[in-house]
Amino acid sequence: MKKTLLVSVVVAFFIACASANSAAVVVGETKLKVLKTLGSPVMTLDNKQDGEIFVYADQVFSESGTAMAGSHYWRYNYVYISKEGKVTSTRQEKQNYPPQAIDSQKIQGMNLLTAK
């Protein structure tokens, strides 16, 4: 009985820690809450139809490397904000290029974002 209780408490602890990811935002949160949670974005893009897109970027170094992006890459978090100031969706991706290389031509070529 004690072992079962201990195991369930440990599992609950790990679930709580995993869900408390500070890099995650929930659809429906306000723009102000996103800025408080994630801080200032690296850049803000104008999404012509729906409002704006906050771009967050972190450079990641790994010793083993990955097949997709190599031994170092950028982890991007795109947060789509509606004209009403609410999060409509988010998207994460890994890329080799730094945030300075993001431009409207590259964004339009992705067919996922619209930008000026």
Protein backbone atom coordinates (compact mmCIF):
# COMPACT_ATOMS: atom_id res chain seq x y z
CA MET A 1 0.00 0.00 0.00
CA LYS A 2 2.78 2.45 0.91
CA LYS A 3 4.73 1.60 -2.26
CA THR A 4 1.66 2.21 -4.42
CA LEU A 5 1.07 5.57 -2.78
CA LEU A 6 4.73 6.52 -3.16
CA VAL A 7 4.79 5.53 -6.83
CA SER A 8 1.62 7.51 -7.54
CA VAL A 9 3.02 10.60 -5.78
CA VAL A 10 6.27 10.35 -7.77
CA VAL A 11 4.36 9.97 -11.05
CA ALA A 12 2.15 12.95 -10.19
CA PHE A 13 5.25 15.00 -9.42
CA PHE A 14 6.84 14.21 -12.79
CA ILE A 15 3.61 15.03 -14.63
CA ALA A 16 3.36 18.35 -12.81
CA CYS A 17 6.98 19.21 -13.65
CA ALA A 18 6.55 18.27 -17.30
CA SER A 19 3.43 20.39 -17.70
CA ALA A 20 5.03 23.44 -16.07
CA ASN A 21 7.08 24.24 -19.16
CA SER A 22 7.64 28.00 -19.19
CA ALA A 23 8.12 27.98 -22.98
CA ALA A 24 4.56 26.82 -23.57
CA VAL A 25 1.64 29.15 -24.00
CA VAL A 26 -1.99 28.13 -24.27
CA VAL A 27 -4.41 29.07 -27.02
CA GLY A 28 -6.71 31.78 -25.72
CA GLU A 29 -4.18 33.50 -23.44
CA THR A 30 -3.84 37.24 -23.75
CA LYS A 31 -0.96 39.02 -25.44
CA LEU A 32 0.06 40.55 -22.11
CA LYS A 33 0.21 37.11 -20.45
CA VAL A 34 2.43 35.82 -23.30
CA LEU A 35 4.80 38.76 -22.86
CA LYS A 36 4.93 38.16 -19.10
CA THR A 37 5.51 34.42 -19.53
CA LEU A 38 7.98 34.37 -22.42
CA GLY A 39 9.35 37.91 -22.32
CA SER A 40 9.97 40.10 -25.33
CA PRO A 41 10.09 38.27 -28.65
CA VAL A 42 13.19 38.30 -30.84
CA MET A 43 11.03 39.81 -33.55
CA THR A 44 7.41 40.56 -34.28
CA LEU A 45 5.97 39.89 -37.72
CA ASP A 46 2.78 41.38 -39.11
CA ASN A 47 0.32 38.64 -39.99
CA LYS A 48 -1.84 40.51 -42.50
CA GLN A 49 -4.97 38.48 -41.93
CA ASP A 50 -4.92 37.68 -38.25
CA GLY A 51 -2.83 40.18 -36.29
CA GLU A 52 0.82 39.54 -35.43
CA ILE A 53 3.32 36.75 -34.89
CA PHE A 54 5.80 36.74 -32.02
CA VAL A 55 9.03 34.92 -32.86
CA TYR A 56 11.08 33.48 -29.99
CA ALA A 57 14.45 31.83 -30.68
CA ASP A 58 16.93 29.86 -28.59
CA GLN A 59 20.24 28.55 -29.86
CA VAL A 60 20.81 24.93 -28.85
CA PHE A 61 24.15 23.12 -28.82
CA SER A 62 24.36 19.36 -28.57
CA GLU A 63 27.36 17.09 -28.58
CA SER A 64 25.70 14.23 -30.42
CA GLY A 65 23.89 16.35 -33.01
CA THR A 66 20.66 15.55 -34.75
CA ALA A 67 19.95 14.36 -38.24
CA MET A 68 17.68 17.31 -38.91
CA ALA A 69 19.71 20.29 -37.84
CA GLY A 70 23.29 19.25 -37.01
CA SER A 71 25.28 19.81 -33.83
CA HIS A 72 23.85 23.26 -33.21
CA TYR A 73 20.56 24.72 -34.28
CA TRP A 74 17.95 27.32 -33.43
CA ARG A 75 14.72 26.36 -31.69
CA TYR A 76 11.95 28.71 -32.83
CA ASN A 77 8.63 29.25 -31.12
CA TYR A 78 6.07 31.14 -33.20
CA VAL A 79 3.10 32.55 -31.27
CA TYR A 80 0.20 33.79 -33.38
CA ILE A 81 -1.72 36.68 -31.80
CA SER A 82 -5.13 37.70 -33.15
CA LYS A 83 -6.23 41.29 -33.70
CA GLU A 84 -8.22 40.96 -30.46
CA GLY A 85 -4.97 40.25 -28.54
CA LYS A 86 -5.50 36.50 -27.92
CA VAL A 87 -3.24 33.56 -28.82
CA THR A 88 -4.78 31.68 -31.75
CA SER A 89 -2.03 29.06 -32.23
CA THR A 90 1.64 28.28 -31.67
CA ARG A 91 4.25 26.41 -33.69
CA GLN A 92 7.73 25.14 -32.79
CA GLU A 93 10.49 24.21 -35.20
CA LYS A 94 14.24 23.65 -35.46
CA GLN A 95 16.26 25.51 -38.10
CA ASN A 96 19.90 26.09 -38.98
CA TYR A 97 19.55 29.81 -39.68
CA PRO A 98 19.68 32.51 -36.98
CA PRO A 99 16.79 34.90 -36.29
CA GLN A 100 18.52 37.69 -38.23
CA ALA A 101 18.13 35.61 -41.39
CA ILE A 102 14.33 35.50 -41.11
CA ASP A 103 12.90 37.82 -43.71
CA SER A 104 9.60 38.19 -45.49
CA GLN A 105 10.79 36.24 -48.54
CA LYS A 106 11.74 33.21 -46.43
CA ILE A 107 8.55 33.44 -44.39
CA GLN A 108 6.36 33.57 -47.50
CA GLY A 109 8.28 30.63 -48.98
CA MET A 110 7.30 28.50 -45.97
CA ASN A 111 3.61 28.88 -46.88
CA LEU A 112 2.90 28.87 -43.15
CA LEU A 113 3.16 32.54 -42.30
CA THR A 114 2.24 35.77 -43.97
CA ALA A 115 4.45 38.77 -43.43
CA LYS A 116 5.13 42.21 -44.89
